[in-house]
Protein backbone atom coordinates (compact mmCIF):
# COMPACT_ATOMS: atom_id res chain seq x y z
CA MET A 1 -13.59 15.50 -19.42
CA ASP A 2 -11.41 17.62 -17.85
CA LEU A 3 -12.93 19.12 -14.47
CA LEU A 4 -9.25 21.30 -13.88
CA GLY A 5 -9.63 23.52 -16.80
CA SER A 6 -13.25 24.32 -16.13
CA LYS A 7 -12.96 28.24 -14.51
CA GLN A 8 -16.82 28.75 -14.29
CA MET A 9 -17.02 25.83 -11.90
CA GLN A 10 -13.56 26.95 -9.98
CA ARG A 11 -15.20 30.10 -9.37
CA LYS A 12 -18.41 29.13 -8.46
CA LEU A 13 -16.03 26.82 -5.89
CA ALA A 14 -13.83 29.70 -4.70
CA GLU A 15 -17.59 31.90 -4.10
CA MET A 16 -18.93 29.35 -2.10
CA GLY A 17 -15.67 29.46 0.34
CA GLN A 18 -16.04 26.45 2.91
CA LYS A 19 -19.13 24.39 1.12
CA GLY A 20 -16.85 24.38 -1.60
CA ASN A 21 -14.09 22.68 -0.26
CA ARG A 22 -16.32 20.06 1.06
CA LEU A 23 -18.04 19.72 -2.30
CA GLN A 24 -14.72 18.87 -3.59
CA ASN A 25 -13.46 16.29 -0.89
CA LYS A 26 -17.03 14.45 -1.18
CA ALA A 27 -16.35 14.77 -5.57
CA LEU A 28 -12.62 13.53 -4.67
CA ARG A 29 -13.70 10.10 -2.34
CA ALA A 30 -16.63 9.45 -4.46
CA SER A 31 -13.68 9.32 -7.77
CA GLY A 32 -12.13 7.68 -4.82
CA GLN A 33 -14.36 4.67 -4.32
CA VAL A 34 -14.44 4.10 -8.12
CA LEU A 35 -11.27 3.72 -8.18
CA SER A 36 -11.15 1.72 -5.02
CA GLU A 37 -13.31 -1.04 -5.77
CA GLU A 38 -11.51 -1.83 -9.25
CA MET A 39 -8.44 -2.16 -7.86
CA SER A 40 -10.28 -4.83 -5.39
CA GLU A 41 -11.28 -6.62 -8.55
CA ARG A 42 -7.73 -6.53 -10.29
CA VAL A 43 -5.48 -7.77 -7.59
CA LYS A 44 -4.25 -11.17 -7.15
CA ARG A 45 -5.47 -13.25 -4.40
CA SER A 46 -3.37 -15.43 -2.57
CA ASN A 47 -4.92 -18.87 -1.29
CA LYS A 48 -2.97 -18.79 1.70
CA ASP A 49 -5.55 -18.04 5.19
CA HIS A 50 -3.85 -14.46 5.71
CA ALA A 51 -4.77 -10.83 5.12
CA HIS A 52 -5.25 -9.98 1.64
CA THR A 53 -4.78 -7.33 -0.45
CA GLU A 54 -7.88 -7.23 -1.84
CA ASP A 55 -9.78 -7.05 1.43
CA HIS A 56 -7.69 -3.93 2.32
CA ILE A 57 -8.05 -1.69 -0.35
CA VAL A 58 -8.96 1.83 1.43
CA LEU A 59 -9.38 5.75 0.37
CA GLY A 60 -6.65 7.75 2.30
CA ARG A 61 -7.87 11.43 4.16
CA VAL A 62 -8.44 14.04 1.55
CA LYS A 63 -4.63 16.73 1.04
CA LYS A 64 -3.85 19.42 -0.38
CA ASP A 65 -0.36 20.17 -2.47
CA ASP A 66 2.14 22.60 -1.86
CA PHE A 67 0.46 24.13 -4.76
CA GLY A 68 -3.11 24.28 -3.39
CA GLY A 69 -4.53 21.46 -5.54
CA LYS A 70 -6.00 18.35 -3.75
CA HIS A 71 -5.79 14.76 -3.83
CA ILE A 72 -6.76 11.85 -2.45
CA GLU A 73 -4.61 8.56 -1.58
CA VAL A 74 -5.86 5.13 -2.61
CA GLY A 75 -4.03 1.81 -2.26
CA PRO A 76 -3.55 -1.19 0.51
CA ASP A 77 -3.99 0.09 4.07
CA LYS A 78 -0.58 -0.37 6.28
CA GLU A 79 -1.38 -4.17 7.33
CA VAL A 80 -0.71 -5.51 3.48
CA ALA A 81 1.13 -2.13 2.03
CA TRP A 82 4.70 -3.94 2.17
CA ARG A 83 3.88 -7.48 0.34
CA SER A 84 1.27 -5.26 -2.14
CA TYR A 85 4.97 -4.15 -3.22
CA PHE A 86 6.44 -7.24 -4.06
CA LEU A 87 2.87 -8.21 -6.32
CA VAL A 88 3.59 -4.43 -8.34
CA TYR A 89 7.08 -4.85 -8.87
CA GLY A 90 8.04 -8.33 -7.96
CA THR A 91 10.92 -10.07 -7.15
CA SER A 92 13.56 -12.05 -8.38
CA LYS A 93 11.53 -15.05 -8.19
CA MET A 94 8.41 -13.45 -9.03
CA ARG A 95 7.15 -11.48 -11.99
CA PRO A 96 5.46 -8.17 -11.23
CA HIS A 97 1.83 -8.37 -11.32
CA ASP A 98 0.40 -4.51 -11.03
CA TYR A 99 -2.94 -3.79 -10.20
CA MET A 100 -3.13 -0.63 -9.61
CA THR A 101 -2.25 1.25 -12.80
CA PRO A 102 -4.54 -0.87 -15.37
CA SER A 103 -7.03 0.03 -12.75
CA TYR A 104 -6.61 3.26 -13.44
CA GLN A 105 -6.04 3.16 -17.06
CA SER A 106 -9.63 1.34 -17.36
CA LYS A 107 -11.52 3.75 -14.93
CA THR A 108 -10.47 6.72 -16.02
CA ASP A 109 -13.01 8.04 -17.39
CA GLU A 110 -15.79 6.71 -14.64
CA ILE A 111 -13.39 8.09 -12.14
CA TYR A 112 -14.30 11.43 -13.87
CA GLU A 113 -17.65 11.36 -13.98
CA ALA A 114 -18.16 10.20 -10.69
CA GLN A 115 -16.51 13.77 -9.58
CA ALA A 116 -18.48 15.44 -12.34
CA ALA A 117 -22.11 14.18 -11.18
CA VAL A 118 -20.57 15.21 -7.57
CA MET A 119 -19.69 18.62 -8.78
CA LYS A 120 -22.80 19.58 -11.15
CA LYS A 121 -25.13 17.70 -8.11
CA GLY A 122 -23.91 20.24 -5.28
CA LEU A 123 -23.25 23.23 -7.79
CA GLY A 124 -27.07 22.96 -9.27
CA LEU A 125 -25.67 22.95 -12.75
């Protein structure tokens, strides 16, 4: 499902002004929640007694890029981000166990469906 190509939806959001912006943010947060849940399920959990990446997957704030598009960052918080780097890319003594890319690839359809559901409800379609 291509939400970016929907000119009708983009036009309606532009007409709505601030309400349209809030609706876009809400849709991004809904899709980010789907991704964060999948990441938490896929990350490997150690048997050590410390903060685990699985418990620290968070949604960032909605941000605008240089071209006017919006995005939301989903991933580990600062407490465990440094350790997550080693999980994703590996070390000289450990193979990588990437959980981010497979999470996105397996939930792509659900991510877009969550966005579409929020947008359709907000736009009354």
